[in-house]
N, C-alpha and C. Protein backbone atom coordinates (compact mmCIF):
# COMPACT_ATOMS: atom_id res chain seq x y z
N MET A 1 -6.76 -10.66 26.10
CA MET A 1 -5.99 -11.00 24.95
C MET A 1 -6.65 -11.30 23.62
N GLU A 2 -7.54 -11.67 23.64
CA GLU A 2 -8.42 -11.89 22.42
C GLU A 2 -9.03 -10.58 21.76
N ASN A 3 -9.42 -9.62 22.55
CA ASN A 3 -9.84 -8.16 22.00
C ASN A 3 -8.38 -7.77 21.39
N ASN A 4 -7.25 -7.56 22.44
CA ASN A 4 -5.94 -7.15 21.72
C ASN A 4 -5.75 -7.76 20.27
N SER A 5 -5.81 -9.30 20.19
CA SER A 5 -5.48 -9.57 18.85
C SER A 5 -6.23 -9.22 17.68
N LYS A 6 -7.35 -8.68 17.97
CA LYS A 6 -8.39 -8.44 17.16
C LYS A 6 -8.24 -6.85 16.83
N ARG A 7 -8.01 -5.95 17.79
CA ARG A 7 -7.57 -4.40 17.30
C ARG A 7 -6.12 -4.74 16.67
N THR A 8 -5.37 -5.55 17.06
CA THR A 8 -4.06 -5.47 16.36
C THR A 8 -3.97 -5.86 14.90
N ILE A 9 -4.91 -6.76 14.66
CA ILE A 9 -4.95 -7.09 13.37
C ILE A 9 -6.05 -6.25 12.32
N ALA A 10 -6.88 -5.56 13.31
CA ALA A 10 -7.51 -4.45 12.73
C ALA A 10 -6.70 -3.19 12.24
N LYS A 11 -6.10 -2.97 13.02
CA LYS A 11 -5.29 -1.59 12.84
C LYS A 11 -4.30 -2.19 11.69
N ALA A 12 -3.70 -3.40 11.49
CA ALA A 12 -3.16 -3.52 10.64
C ALA A 12 -3.49 -3.40 9.24
N ILE A 13 -4.70 -3.47 8.63
CA ILE A 13 -5.31 -3.59 7.58
C ILE A 13 -5.82 -2.56 6.76
N ASP A 14 -5.12 -2.57 5.62
CA ASP A 14 -6.02 -1.42 4.57
C ASP A 14 -6.68 -1.94 3.89
N HIS A 15 -8.09 -1.85 4.06
CA HIS A 15 -9.12 -2.51 3.33
C HIS A 15 -9.30 -1.86 2.05
N THR A 16 -9.15 -2.71 1.06
CA THR A 16 -8.87 -2.18 -0.28
C THR A 16 -9.91 -2.77 -1.29
N PHE A 17 -10.09 -1.90 -2.30
CA PHE A 17 -11.09 -2.03 -3.46
C PHE A 17 -10.43 -1.26 -4.68
N LEU A 18 -10.13 -1.72 -5.54
CA LEU A 18 -9.28 -1.65 -6.51
C LEU A 18 -9.77 -2.15 -7.79
N ARG A 19 -10.68 -2.63 -7.98
CA ARG A 19 -11.30 -3.91 -9.05
C ARG A 19 -11.75 -2.49 -10.30
N PRO A 20 -11.50 -2.66 -11.55
CA PRO A 20 -11.76 -1.58 -12.37
C PRO A 20 -13.16 -1.49 -12.64
N ALA A 21 -14.20 -2.03 -12.29
CA ALA A 21 -15.35 -2.41 -12.42
C ALA A 21 -16.35 -2.03 -11.21
N GLY A 22 -15.39 -1.39 -10.25
CA GLY A 22 -15.92 -1.20 -9.11
C GLY A 22 -17.00 -0.16 -9.25
N LYS A 23 -18.15 -0.33 -8.26
CA LYS A 23 -19.39 0.79 -8.38
C LYS A 23 -19.39 1.54 -6.94
N ALA A 24 -19.94 2.79 -7.20
CA ALA A 24 -19.82 3.88 -5.85
C ALA A 24 -20.44 3.18 -4.85
N ARG A 25 -21.54 2.21 -4.88
CA ARG A 25 -22.00 1.70 -3.86
C ARG A 25 -21.15 0.77 -3.13
N GLU A 26 -20.06 0.15 -4.02
CA GLU A 26 -19.33 -0.89 -3.39
C GLU A 26 -18.37 0.16 -2.78
N ILE A 27 -17.51 1.20 -3.04
CA ILE A 27 -16.87 1.99 -2.15
C ILE A 27 -17.66 2.33 -0.66
N VAL A 28 -18.81 2.89 -1.00
CA VAL A 28 -19.77 3.09 0.42
C VAL A 28 -19.36 2.21 1.48
N LYS A 29 -20.05 0.88 0.96
CA LYS A 29 -19.95 -0.40 1.49
C LYS A 29 -18.30 -0.49 2.33
N LEU A 30 -17.49 -0.11 1.30
CA LEU A 30 -15.88 -0.41 1.83
C LEU A 30 -15.72 0.38 3.21
N CYS A 31 -16.34 1.48 2.92
CA CYS A 31 -15.90 2.51 4.07
C CYS A 31 -16.74 2.45 5.34
N SER A 32 -17.97 1.85 4.95
CA SER A 32 -18.95 1.39 6.20
C SER A 32 -17.96 0.09 6.94
N GLU A 33 -17.81 -0.70 6.23
CA GLU A 33 -16.92 -1.97 6.83
C GLU A 33 -15.82 -1.90 7.56
N ALA A 34 -15.23 -0.55 7.03
CA ALA A 34 -13.80 0.11 7.70
C ALA A 34 -14.29 0.88 9.05
N ARG A 35 -15.13 1.35 9.09
CA ARG A 35 -15.87 2.03 10.47
C ARG A 35 -16.35 1.01 11.46
N GLU A 36 -16.81 -0.11 10.82
CA GLU A 36 -17.44 -1.22 11.53
C GLU A 36 -16.35 -2.01 12.53
N TRP A 37 -15.31 -2.20 11.49
CA TRP A 37 -14.06 -3.13 12.35
C TRP A 37 -12.78 -2.60 12.74
N GLY A 38 -12.88 -1.17 12.44
CA GLY A 38 -11.54 -0.39 12.81
C GLY A 38 -10.37 -0.60 12.30
N PHE A 39 -10.70 -0.76 10.72
CA PHE A 39 -9.59 -0.92 10.02
C PHE A 39 -8.29 0.47 9.86
N ALA A 40 -7.11 0.36 9.77
CA ALA A 40 -6.23 1.30 9.46
C ALA A 40 -6.58 2.46 8.23
N ALA A 41 -7.10 1.77 7.38
CA ALA A 41 -7.34 2.57 6.09
C ALA A 41 -8.15 1.95 5.04
N VAL A 42 -8.58 2.68 4.30
CA VAL A 42 -9.39 2.26 2.99
C VAL A 42 -8.17 2.96 1.83
N ALA A 43 -8.34 1.48 0.83
CA ALA A 43 -7.14 2.01 -0.29
C ALA A 43 -8.19 1.89 -1.66
N VAL A 44 -8.23 2.95 -2.38
CA VAL A 44 -9.26 2.87 -3.61
C VAL A 44 -8.24 3.85 -4.44
N ALA A 45 -8.93 3.80 -5.66
CA ALA A 45 -8.57 4.59 -7.11
C ALA A 45 -8.68 5.89 -6.92
N PRO A 46 -7.97 6.69 -7.53
CA PRO A 46 -8.00 8.12 -7.52
C PRO A 46 -9.41 8.92 -7.88
N TYR A 47 -9.94 8.19 -8.59
CA TYR A 47 -11.15 8.57 -8.98
C TYR A 47 -12.14 8.55 -7.79
N TYR A 48 -12.03 7.71 -6.83
CA TYR A 48 -12.95 7.41 -5.67
C TYR A 48 -12.42 8.07 -4.36
N VAL A 49 -11.68 8.85 -4.58
CA VAL A 49 -10.91 9.30 -3.10
C VAL A 49 -12.22 10.30 -2.64
N PRO A 50 -12.76 11.47 -3.67
CA PRO A 50 -13.69 12.26 -2.82
C PRO A 50 -14.58 11.49 -2.17
N LEU A 51 -15.19 10.35 -2.69
CA LEU A 51 -16.40 9.81 -2.32
C LEU A 51 -16.01 9.00 -0.99
N ALA A 52 -14.91 8.67 -1.04
CA ALA A 52 -14.59 7.70 0.28
C ALA A 52 -14.03 8.62 1.18
N ALA A 53 -13.61 9.90 0.99
CA ALA A 53 -13.27 10.93 2.12
C ALA A 53 -14.52 11.38 2.59
N ARG A 54 -15.70 11.59 1.87
CA ARG A 54 -16.78 12.21 2.44
C ARG A 54 -17.29 11.23 3.48
N GLU A 55 -17.48 9.40 2.97
CA GLU A 55 -17.76 8.50 3.84
C GLU A 55 -17.03 8.22 4.99
N ILE A 56 -15.82 8.67 5.30
CA ILE A 56 -14.80 8.02 6.67
C ILE A 56 -14.81 9.51 7.45
N ALA A 57 -15.41 10.34 6.94
CA ALA A 57 -15.08 12.00 7.37
C ALA A 57 -15.60 11.88 8.77
N GLY A 58 -14.71 12.55 9.89
CA GLY A 58 -15.12 12.38 11.30
C GLY A 58 -14.37 11.12 12.08
N SER A 59 -13.84 10.25 11.16
CA SER A 59 -13.18 8.86 11.64
C SER A 59 -11.50 9.30 11.88
N GLU A 60 -10.92 8.19 12.39
CA GLU A 60 -9.52 7.93 12.23
C GLU A 60 -8.79 7.31 11.00
N ILE A 61 -9.59 6.87 10.20
CA ILE A 61 -9.33 5.76 9.29
C ILE A 61 -8.43 6.64 7.99
N GLY A 62 -7.56 5.98 7.71
CA GLY A 62 -6.85 6.66 6.91
C GLY A 62 -7.42 6.37 5.31
N LEU A 63 -7.08 7.12 4.46
CA LEU A 63 -7.62 7.10 2.64
C LEU A 63 -6.38 7.06 2.05
N SER A 64 -6.12 6.06 1.44
CA SER A 64 -5.34 5.64 0.45
C SER A 64 -5.21 5.92 -0.72
N ALA A 65 -4.97 6.50 -1.77
CA ALA A 65 -5.09 6.47 -3.27
C ALA A 65 -4.14 5.81 -3.79
N ALA A 66 -4.27 5.12 -4.79
CA ALA A 66 -3.30 4.17 -5.54
C ALA A 66 -2.81 5.07 -6.85
N ILE A 67 -1.70 5.36 -7.08
CA ILE A 67 -1.01 5.91 -7.70
C ILE A 67 -0.10 5.41 -8.72
N GLY A 68 -0.25 5.87 -9.98
CA GLY A 68 0.68 5.12 -10.81
C GLY A 68 0.47 3.59 -11.02
N PHE A 69 -0.87 3.54 -10.91
CA PHE A 69 -1.53 2.05 -10.77
C PHE A 69 -1.98 1.25 -12.02
N PRO A 70 -1.68 0.11 -12.49
CA PRO A 70 -0.75 -1.14 -11.74
C PRO A 70 0.32 -1.09 -12.25
N LEU A 71 0.72 -0.36 -13.19
CA LEU A 71 1.79 -0.73 -13.86
C LEU A 71 3.32 -0.25 -13.97
N GLY A 72 2.82 1.13 -13.23
CA GLY A 72 4.08 2.13 -12.57
C GLY A 72 4.73 2.90 -13.66
N TYR A 73 4.50 2.83 -14.76
CA TYR A 73 5.52 3.33 -15.91
C TYR A 73 5.18 4.40 -16.70
N THR A 74 4.08 5.66 -15.56
CA THR A 74 3.81 6.86 -16.30
C THR A 74 4.95 7.38 -15.77
N THR A 75 5.31 8.98 -16.02
CA THR A 75 6.52 9.77 -15.63
C THR A 75 5.98 10.28 -14.25
N PRO A 76 7.29 10.51 -13.50
CA PRO A 76 7.24 11.26 -12.74
C PRO A 76 6.33 12.23 -12.08
N ALA A 77 6.52 13.54 -13.13
CA ALA A 77 5.52 14.57 -13.27
C ALA A 77 4.04 13.99 -13.25
N THR A 78 3.56 12.84 -13.93
CA THR A 78 2.37 12.82 -14.01
C THR A 78 2.12 11.80 -12.68
N LYS A 79 3.01 10.92 -11.68
CA LYS A 79 2.52 10.72 -10.58
C LYS A 79 2.51 11.65 -9.32
N ALA A 80 3.46 12.50 -9.74
CA ALA A 80 3.21 13.65 -8.79
C ALA A 80 1.82 14.55 -8.83
N CYS A 81 1.79 14.86 -9.94
CA CYS A 81 0.37 15.42 -10.16
C CYS A 81 -0.84 14.63 -9.33
N GLU A 82 -0.89 13.25 -9.99
CA GLU A 82 -2.18 12.15 -9.54
C GLU A 82 -1.94 12.49 -8.15
N ALA A 83 -0.82 12.40 -7.37
CA ALA A 83 -0.66 11.99 -6.04
C ALA A 83 -1.30 13.37 -5.46
N ALA A 84 -0.74 14.66 -5.90
CA ALA A 84 -1.14 15.72 -5.18
C ALA A 84 -2.68 16.25 -5.23
N GLU A 85 -3.24 15.74 -6.64
CA GLU A 85 -4.63 16.00 -6.69
C GLU A 85 -5.50 14.71 -5.56
N ALA A 86 -5.06 13.75 -5.66
CA ALA A 86 -6.05 12.72 -4.32
C ALA A 86 -5.43 13.45 -3.17
N LEU A 87 -4.25 14.10 -2.48
CA LEU A 87 -4.38 14.67 -1.44
C LEU A 87 -5.19 15.70 -1.52
N GLU A 88 -5.19 16.71 -2.33
CA GLU A 88 -6.41 17.67 -2.34
C GLU A 88 -7.75 17.05 -2.01
N GLN A 89 -7.99 16.11 -2.57
CA GLN A 89 -9.27 15.75 -2.44
C GLN A 89 -9.72 14.91 -1.41
N GLY A 90 -8.50 14.68 -0.35
CA GLY A 90 -8.98 14.03 1.12
C GLY A 90 -8.00 12.99 1.17
N ALA A 91 -7.19 12.58 0.28
CA ALA A 91 -6.59 11.26 0.71
C ALA A 91 -5.37 11.43 1.81
N THR A 92 -5.20 10.69 2.80
CA THR A 92 -4.14 10.74 3.60
C THR A 92 -2.80 9.86 3.51
N GLU A 93 -2.81 9.05 2.67
CA GLU A 93 -1.70 8.03 2.20
C GLU A 93 -1.48 7.67 0.65
N ILE A 94 -0.50 7.61 0.37
CA ILE A 94 -0.60 7.40 -1.33
C ILE A 94 0.45 6.10 -1.27
N ASP A 95 -0.19 5.05 -1.98
CA ASP A 95 0.35 4.13 -2.64
C ASP A 95 0.98 4.20 -3.87
N MET A 96 2.23 4.44 -4.34
CA MET A 96 2.62 4.70 -5.66
C MET A 96 3.35 3.60 -6.11
N VAL A 97 3.06 2.91 -7.24
CA VAL A 97 4.22 1.70 -7.94
C VAL A 97 5.12 2.44 -8.69
N ALA A 98 6.24 2.10 -8.10
CA ALA A 98 7.55 2.44 -8.54
C ALA A 98 7.79 2.04 -10.01
N ASN A 99 8.85 2.89 -10.54
CA ASN A 99 8.85 2.54 -12.28
C ASN A 99 9.45 1.23 -12.34
N ILE A 100 8.78 0.26 -12.47
CA ILE A 100 9.10 -1.21 -12.58
C ILE A 100 9.93 -1.09 -14.20
N THR A 101 9.52 -0.69 -14.89
CA THR A 101 10.22 -0.49 -16.35
C THR A 101 11.74 -0.09 -16.34
N ALA A 102 11.87 1.29 -15.55
CA ALA A 102 13.29 2.00 -15.29
C ALA A 102 14.18 0.78 -14.10
N VAL A 103 13.41 0.24 -13.42
CA VAL A 103 14.20 -1.04 -12.33
C VAL A 103 14.76 -1.97 -13.61
N LYS A 104 13.83 -2.71 -14.19
CA LYS A 104 14.28 -3.74 -14.95
C LYS A 104 15.29 -3.26 -16.32
N SER A 105 15.54 -2.17 -16.59
CA SER A 105 16.55 -1.53 -17.27
C SER A 105 17.68 -1.01 -16.46
N GLY A 106 17.64 -1.16 -15.37
CA GLY A 106 18.72 -0.40 -14.49
C GLY A 106 19.01 0.86 -14.55
N VAL A 107 18.23 1.67 -14.78
CA VAL A 107 18.33 2.86 -14.81
C VAL A 107 17.72 3.80 -13.69
N TRP A 108 18.94 3.51 -12.59
CA TRP A 108 18.47 3.51 -10.94
C TRP A 108 18.32 5.29 -10.83
N GLU A 109 18.86 6.10 -11.56
CA GLU A 109 18.76 7.32 -11.25
C GLU A 109 17.20 7.52 -11.79
N GLU A 110 16.55 7.55 -12.82
CA GLU A 110 15.23 7.45 -12.98
C GLU A 110 14.41 6.75 -12.11
N VAL A 111 14.77 5.61 -11.34
CA VAL A 111 13.66 5.09 -10.40
C VAL A 111 13.94 5.86 -9.32
N LYS A 112 14.90 6.64 -8.86
CA LYS A 112 15.14 7.64 -7.92
C LYS A 112 14.25 9.06 -8.02
N ARG A 113 14.26 9.47 -9.06
CA ARG A 113 13.89 10.64 -9.29
C ARG A 113 11.90 10.42 -9.61
N ASP A 114 11.83 9.22 -9.84
CA ASP A 114 10.32 8.71 -9.97
C ASP A 114 9.61 9.08 -8.26
N ILE A 115 10.24 8.27 -7.51
CA ILE A 115 9.97 8.35 -6.25
C ILE A 115 10.10 9.32 -5.33
N GLN A 116 11.07 10.21 -5.57
CA GLN A 116 11.49 11.38 -5.21
C GLN A 116 10.47 12.36 -5.46
N ALA A 117 9.71 12.28 -6.86
CA ALA A 117 8.75 13.36 -7.28
C ALA A 117 7.47 13.06 -6.46
N VAL A 118 7.08 11.87 -6.22
CA VAL A 118 6.00 12.03 -5.41
C VAL A 118 6.12 12.21 -3.79
N ALA A 119 7.46 11.82 -3.13
CA ALA A 119 7.59 12.00 -1.88
C ALA A 119 7.53 13.45 -1.54
N ARG A 120 8.33 14.31 -2.65
CA ARG A 120 8.09 15.64 -2.54
C ARG A 120 6.59 16.28 -2.16
N VAL A 121 5.76 15.68 -2.79
CA VAL A 121 4.31 16.11 -2.65
C VAL A 121 3.58 15.77 -1.49
N CYS A 122 3.87 14.49 -1.16
CA CYS A 122 3.41 13.82 0.05
C CYS A 122 3.65 14.67 1.51
N GLN A 123 4.75 14.89 1.31
CA GLN A 123 5.08 15.95 2.50
C GLN A 123 5.02 15.43 4.08
N GLU A 124 3.91 15.54 4.79
CA GLU A 124 3.47 14.98 6.13
C GLU A 124 2.86 13.85 5.84
N ASN A 125 2.05 13.61 4.58
CA ASN A 125 1.54 12.08 4.54
C ASN A 125 2.04 11.16 4.01
N VAL A 126 1.30 9.93 4.38
CA VAL A 126 2.16 8.78 4.53
C VAL A 126 2.26 8.44 3.05
N LEU A 127 3.41 7.85 2.70
CA LEU A 127 4.15 7.25 1.33
C LEU A 127 4.50 5.89 1.33
N LYS A 128 3.43 4.94 0.45
CA LYS A 128 4.11 3.69 0.48
C LYS A 128 4.33 3.68 -1.11
N VAL A 129 5.78 2.70 -1.26
CA VAL A 129 6.17 2.57 -2.61
C VAL A 129 6.04 1.15 -2.88
N ILE A 130 5.19 0.88 -3.90
CA ILE A 130 5.16 -0.51 -4.51
C ILE A 130 6.18 -0.97 -5.53
N LEU A 131 7.03 -2.41 -4.95
CA LEU A 131 8.03 -2.88 -5.65
C LEU A 131 7.68 -3.67 -6.62
N GLU A 132 6.44 -4.43 -6.46
CA GLU A 132 5.97 -5.21 -7.25
C GLU A 132 7.26 -6.33 -7.39
N THR A 133 7.21 -7.04 -6.01
CA THR A 133 8.40 -7.86 -6.01
C THR A 133 8.13 -9.21 -7.06
N CYS A 134 7.12 -9.70 -7.68
CA CYS A 134 6.78 -10.85 -8.23
C CYS A 134 7.86 -10.84 -9.71
N TYR A 135 8.10 -9.42 -10.32
CA TYR A 135 9.04 -8.98 -11.24
C TYR A 135 10.44 -8.99 -10.96
N LEU A 136 10.70 -8.92 -9.89
CA LEU A 136 12.50 -8.47 -9.23
C LEU A 136 12.94 -9.45 -8.85
N GLU A 137 14.09 -9.65 -9.54
CA GLU A 137 15.53 -10.40 -8.76
C GLU A 137 15.91 -9.93 -7.21
N LYS A 138 16.58 -10.55 -6.75
CA LYS A 138 17.16 -10.10 -5.31
C LYS A 138 17.55 -8.93 -5.56
N GLU A 139 18.90 -8.82 -6.59
CA GLU A 139 19.51 -7.65 -6.54
C GLU A 139 18.67 -6.64 -6.63
N GLU A 140 17.82 -6.73 -7.32
CA GLU A 140 16.64 -5.39 -7.67
C GLU A 140 16.13 -5.08 -6.35
N MET A 141 15.62 -5.86 -5.58
CA MET A 141 14.87 -5.60 -4.66
C MET A 141 15.94 -4.76 -3.51
N GLU A 142 16.99 -5.38 -3.39
CA GLU A 142 18.18 -4.88 -2.78
C GLU A 142 18.63 -3.28 -3.27
N LYS A 143 18.43 -3.00 -4.30
CA LYS A 143 18.64 -1.87 -4.94
C LYS A 143 17.52 -0.67 -4.73
N LEU A 144 15.99 -1.00 -4.68
CA LEU A 144 14.95 -0.50 -4.75
C LEU A 144 15.26 -0.12 -2.84
N ALA A 145 15.46 -1.08 -2.43
CA ALA A 145 15.24 -0.69 -0.74
C ALA A 145 16.02 0.38 -0.33
N GLU A 146 17.42 0.19 -1.18
CA GLU A 146 18.32 1.23 -0.82
C GLU A 146 17.87 2.20 -1.10
N ILE A 147 17.46 2.45 -2.46
CA ILE A 147 16.86 4.08 -3.00
C ILE A 147 16.04 4.61 -1.78
N CYS A 148 15.05 3.61 -1.37
CA CYS A 148 14.10 4.06 -0.63
C CYS A 148 14.48 4.56 0.65
N LEU A 149 15.51 3.99 0.85
CA LEU A 149 16.29 4.48 2.50
C LEU A 149 16.65 5.90 2.21
N GLN A 150 17.20 6.31 1.05
CA GLN A 150 17.58 7.26 0.86
C GLN A 150 16.86 8.51 0.70
N ILE A 151 15.72 8.14 0.49
CA ILE A 151 14.66 9.34 0.03
C ILE A 151 13.73 9.61 1.24
N GLU A 152 14.02 10.92 1.70
CA GLU A 152 13.33 11.10 2.97
C GLU A 152 11.76 11.26 2.49
N GLY A 153 10.72 10.87 3.47
CA GLY A 153 9.32 10.72 3.00
C GLY A 153 9.03 9.63 2.65
N VAL A 154 9.61 8.71 2.33
CA VAL A 154 8.93 7.00 2.12
C VAL A 154 9.03 6.53 3.54
N ASP A 155 7.88 5.99 3.85
CA ASP A 155 7.16 5.39 5.13
C ASP A 155 7.31 3.81 4.62
N PHE A 156 7.03 3.48 4.09
CA PHE A 156 6.59 1.82 3.67
C PHE A 156 7.25 1.46 2.23
N LEU A 157 7.68 0.17 2.63
CA LEU A 157 7.82 -0.52 0.94
C LEU A 157 6.87 -1.47 0.94
N LYS A 158 6.24 -1.83 -0.09
CA LYS A 158 5.09 -2.48 -0.08
C LYS A 158 5.22 -3.49 -1.24
N THR A 159 5.10 -4.76 -1.14
CA THR A 159 5.38 -5.70 -1.89
C THR A 159 4.38 -5.78 -3.39
N SER A 160 3.73 -5.64 -3.67
CA SER A 160 2.65 -5.74 -4.84
C SER A 160 1.64 -4.95 -4.94
N THR A 161 0.83 -4.79 -6.09
CA THR A 161 -0.28 -4.36 -6.42
C THR A 161 -1.45 -5.13 -6.21
N GLY A 162 -1.24 -6.45 -6.43
CA GLY A 162 -2.36 -7.48 -6.47
C GLY A 162 -2.46 -7.72 -7.97
N PHE A 163 -2.08 -6.97 -8.94
CA PHE A 163 -2.63 -7.12 -10.19
C PHE A 163 -1.25 -7.71 -11.18
N GLY A 164 -0.08 -8.23 -10.46
CA GLY A 164 0.73 -8.89 -11.10
C GLY A 164 0.18 -10.29 -10.71
N PRO A 165 1.41 -11.15 -11.60
CA PRO A 165 0.91 -12.75 -11.66
C PRO A 165 1.31 -13.27 -10.25
N GLU A 166 1.76 -12.62 -9.54
CA GLU A 166 1.90 -12.96 -7.88
C GLU A 166 1.75 -11.93 -6.88
N GLY A 167 1.27 -12.35 -5.95
CA GLY A 167 1.29 -11.15 -4.97
C GLY A 167 2.39 -11.58 -3.80
N ALA A 168 1.90 -11.14 -2.52
CA ALA A 168 2.93 -10.98 -1.46
C ALA A 168 3.49 -12.68 -1.15
N LYS A 169 4.89 -12.58 -0.72
CA LYS A 169 5.18 -13.90 -0.45
C LYS A 169 6.11 -13.57 1.19
N VAL A 170 6.08 -14.61 1.85
CA VAL A 170 6.52 -14.19 3.31
C VAL A 170 7.99 -14.39 3.16
N GLU A 171 8.68 -15.19 2.22
CA GLU A 171 10.06 -14.77 2.24
C GLU A 171 10.48 -13.31 1.82
N ASP A 172 9.76 -12.73 1.01
CA ASP A 172 9.95 -11.39 0.79
C ASP A 172 9.72 -10.43 1.58
N ILE A 173 8.87 -10.69 2.39
CA ILE A 173 8.93 -9.54 3.70
C ILE A 173 10.04 -9.91 4.52
N ARG A 174 10.28 -11.33 4.51
CA ARG A 174 11.46 -11.49 5.48
C ARG A 174 12.76 -11.04 4.86
N PHE A 175 13.20 -10.78 3.63
CA PHE A 175 14.05 -10.39 2.68
C PHE A 175 14.15 -8.97 3.10
N LEU A 176 13.02 -8.27 2.93
CA LEU A 176 12.95 -6.68 3.09
C LEU A 176 13.22 -6.42 4.31
N LYS A 177 12.67 -7.07 5.31
CA LYS A 177 12.95 -6.80 6.64
C LYS A 177 14.29 -6.50 6.98
N LYS A 178 15.14 -7.53 6.55
CA LYS A 178 16.58 -7.56 6.77
C LYS A 178 17.27 -6.32 6.07
N LEU A 179 16.63 -5.87 4.74
CA LEU A 179 17.39 -4.80 4.20
C LEU A 179 17.03 -3.36 4.98
N VAL A 180 16.06 -3.34 5.19
CA VAL A 180 15.54 -1.96 6.01
C VAL A 180 15.17 -1.82 7.29
N GLY A 181 15.38 -2.81 8.01
CA GLY A 181 15.16 -3.00 9.56
C GLY A 181 14.06 -2.12 10.08
N ASP A 182 14.21 -1.22 11.32
CA ASP A 182 13.02 -0.30 11.47
C ASP A 182 13.37 0.80 10.81
N LYS A 183 13.80 0.91 9.71
CA LYS A 183 14.13 2.52 9.39
C LYS A 183 12.88 2.64 8.10
N ARG A 184 12.40 1.90 7.75
CA ARG A 184 11.10 1.87 7.30
C ARG A 184 10.25 0.43 7.18
N ALA A 185 8.96 0.95 6.93
CA ALA A 185 7.90 0.14 7.58
C ALA A 185 7.84 -0.82 6.39
N LEU A 186 6.84 -1.69 6.65
CA LEU A 186 6.67 -2.96 5.35
C LEU A 186 5.13 -2.80 5.05
N LYS A 187 4.42 -2.93 3.97
CA LYS A 187 3.32 -3.53 3.87
C LYS A 187 3.30 -4.49 2.99
N ALA A 188 2.41 -5.51 3.22
CA ALA A 188 2.34 -6.69 2.32
C ALA A 188 0.80 -7.02 1.81
N SER A 189 0.79 -7.10 0.45
CA SER A 189 -0.53 -7.14 0.03
C SER A 189 -0.48 -7.82 -1.34
N GLY A 190 -1.70 -8.00 -1.92
CA GLY A 190 -1.83 -9.19 -3.18
C GLY A 190 -1.82 -10.50 -2.58
N GLY A 191 -3.24 -11.12 -2.82
CA GLY A 191 -3.39 -12.52 -2.66
C GLY A 191 -3.60 -13.05 -0.88
N ILE A 192 -3.46 -11.77 -0.12
CA ILE A 192 -3.80 -12.13 1.52
C ILE A 192 -5.27 -12.30 1.81
N LYS A 193 -5.56 -13.46 2.01
CA LYS A 193 -7.22 -13.77 1.98
C LYS A 193 -7.71 -14.50 3.19
N THR A 194 -6.96 -15.00 4.16
CA THR A 194 -7.04 -15.44 5.23
C THR A 194 -6.41 -15.09 6.51
N LEU A 195 -6.93 -15.29 7.52
CA LEU A 195 -6.25 -14.73 8.89
C LEU A 195 -4.71 -15.60 9.04
N GLU A 196 -4.74 -16.80 8.47
CA GLU A 196 -3.23 -17.49 8.38
C GLU A 196 -2.32 -16.79 7.61
N ASP A 197 -2.95 -16.21 6.75
CA ASP A 197 -2.21 -15.51 5.63
C ASP A 197 -1.52 -13.97 6.28
N CYS A 198 -2.66 -13.41 6.87
CA CYS A 198 -2.46 -12.22 7.60
C CYS A 198 -1.21 -12.24 8.69
N ARG A 199 -1.49 -13.39 9.67
CA ARG A 199 -0.35 -13.68 10.45
C ARG A 199 0.86 -14.01 9.95
N ALA A 200 0.80 -14.81 9.05
CA ALA A 200 2.32 -15.15 8.35
C ALA A 200 3.14 -13.93 8.09
N MET A 201 2.33 -12.74 7.60
CA MET A 201 2.89 -11.83 6.96
C MET A 201 3.35 -10.85 8.19
N LEU A 202 2.55 -10.78 9.34
CA LEU A 202 2.82 -9.70 9.95
C LEU A 202 3.94 -10.30 11.10
N GLU A 203 3.87 -11.72 11.35
CA GLU A 203 5.04 -12.29 11.82
C GLU A 203 6.56 -12.12 11.18
N ALA A 204 6.33 -12.24 9.76
CA ALA A 204 7.63 -12.30 8.99
C ALA A 204 8.10 -10.61 9.07
N GLY A 205 7.35 -9.67 9.27
CA GLY A 205 7.96 -8.36 9.81
C GLY A 205 7.14 -7.06 8.97
N ALA A 206 5.91 -7.28 8.43
CA ALA A 206 4.77 -6.33 8.19
C ALA A 206 4.17 -5.64 8.95
N SER A 207 3.64 -4.60 8.87
CA SER A 207 3.08 -3.67 10.02
C SER A 207 1.86 -3.44 9.16
N ARG A 208 1.44 -3.53 7.91
CA ARG A 208 0.30 -3.27 7.19
C ARG A 208 -0.02 -4.57 6.26
N ILE A 209 -1.45 -4.69 6.09
CA ILE A 209 -1.45 -5.42 5.30
C ILE A 209 -2.86 -4.90 4.18
N GLY A 210 -2.55 -5.12 2.69
CA GLY A 210 -3.44 -4.66 2.04
C GLY A 210 -4.43 -5.87 1.64
N THR A 211 -5.75 -5.61 1.70
CA THR A 211 -6.55 -6.85 1.39
C THR A 211 -7.89 -6.41 1.12
N SER A 212 -8.44 -7.26 0.18
CA SER A 212 -9.74 -6.84 0.06
C SER A 212 -11.05 -7.95 0.93
N SER A 213 -9.77 -8.74 1.55
CA SER A 213 -10.79 -9.58 2.36
C SER A 213 -10.58 -9.57 3.64
N GLY A 214 -10.34 -8.04 4.17
CA GLY A 214 -10.45 -7.55 5.59
C GLY A 214 -11.60 -8.33 6.59
N VAL A 215 -12.96 -7.98 5.98
CA VAL A 215 -13.85 -8.55 6.64
C VAL A 215 -13.97 -10.08 7.02
N LYS A 216 -13.43 -11.08 5.74
CA LYS A 216 -13.23 -12.01 6.09
C LYS A 216 -12.33 -12.63 7.24
N ILE A 217 -11.31 -11.77 6.86
CA ILE A 217 -10.17 -12.11 8.25
C ILE A 217 -10.62 -11.78 9.30
N MET A 218 -11.46 -10.75 9.77
CA MET A 218 -11.81 -10.22 10.88
C MET A 218 -13.01 -11.59 11.42
N GLN A 219 -13.80 -12.23 10.56
CA GLN A 219 -14.67 -12.71 10.88
C GLN A 219 -13.98 -14.48 11.17
N GLU A 220 -12.83 -14.42 10.76
CA GLU A 220 -12.55 -15.54 10.89
C GLU A 220 -11.84 -15.79 12.62
N LEU A 221 -11.56 -14.51 12.93
CA LEU A 221 -10.84 -14.13 14.50
C LEU A 221 -12.20 -14.32 15.16
N ASN A 222 -13.29 -14.35 14.95
CA ASN A 222 -14.62 -14.66 15.64
C ASN A 222 -15.05 -16.09 15.72
């Protein structure tokens, strides 16, 4: 049971390093830790995708690139180009920030067009759409979830970038789970630093956890 619990949690973690002052050696360490603990994926800035791809080559670890990060208000064509380049360089997953500016303006066709542009590029690769829930009203979350359900190729709804004023909340995961059920998966990210945080998000309905504290969480299990 203990080993199963460890494996379940490890396979839920996207081991993340997105600090702007990050050094190459820190990405190498990130990938080494992901191999050691058996994490689901590593999540890095597009600049570090080629390096991370080399470091995890031959493993089953996914490689996620952060697109439109962290503000989400670049154009659909820009995000699609950024995603395409990351995939060509070895990324297998894309975590894109939705156009929060368009969401707050209620321009829903633009929001949909933005997500569709990246979904077309991703094809068979995993696409996670970051809602940045700390900025959203419930009605806006509902509309974004509805749009994500309409777009083929969206695999996950993700709470946060970790760069907003607040990160993931259990109540937001529960709310999103009610909206999408089993039709889309959920990823909780932002401020998840302990085993207790991680378990709370998984119990609420998340199946992936984005965190830079993956090693600490696994060590707590020991």
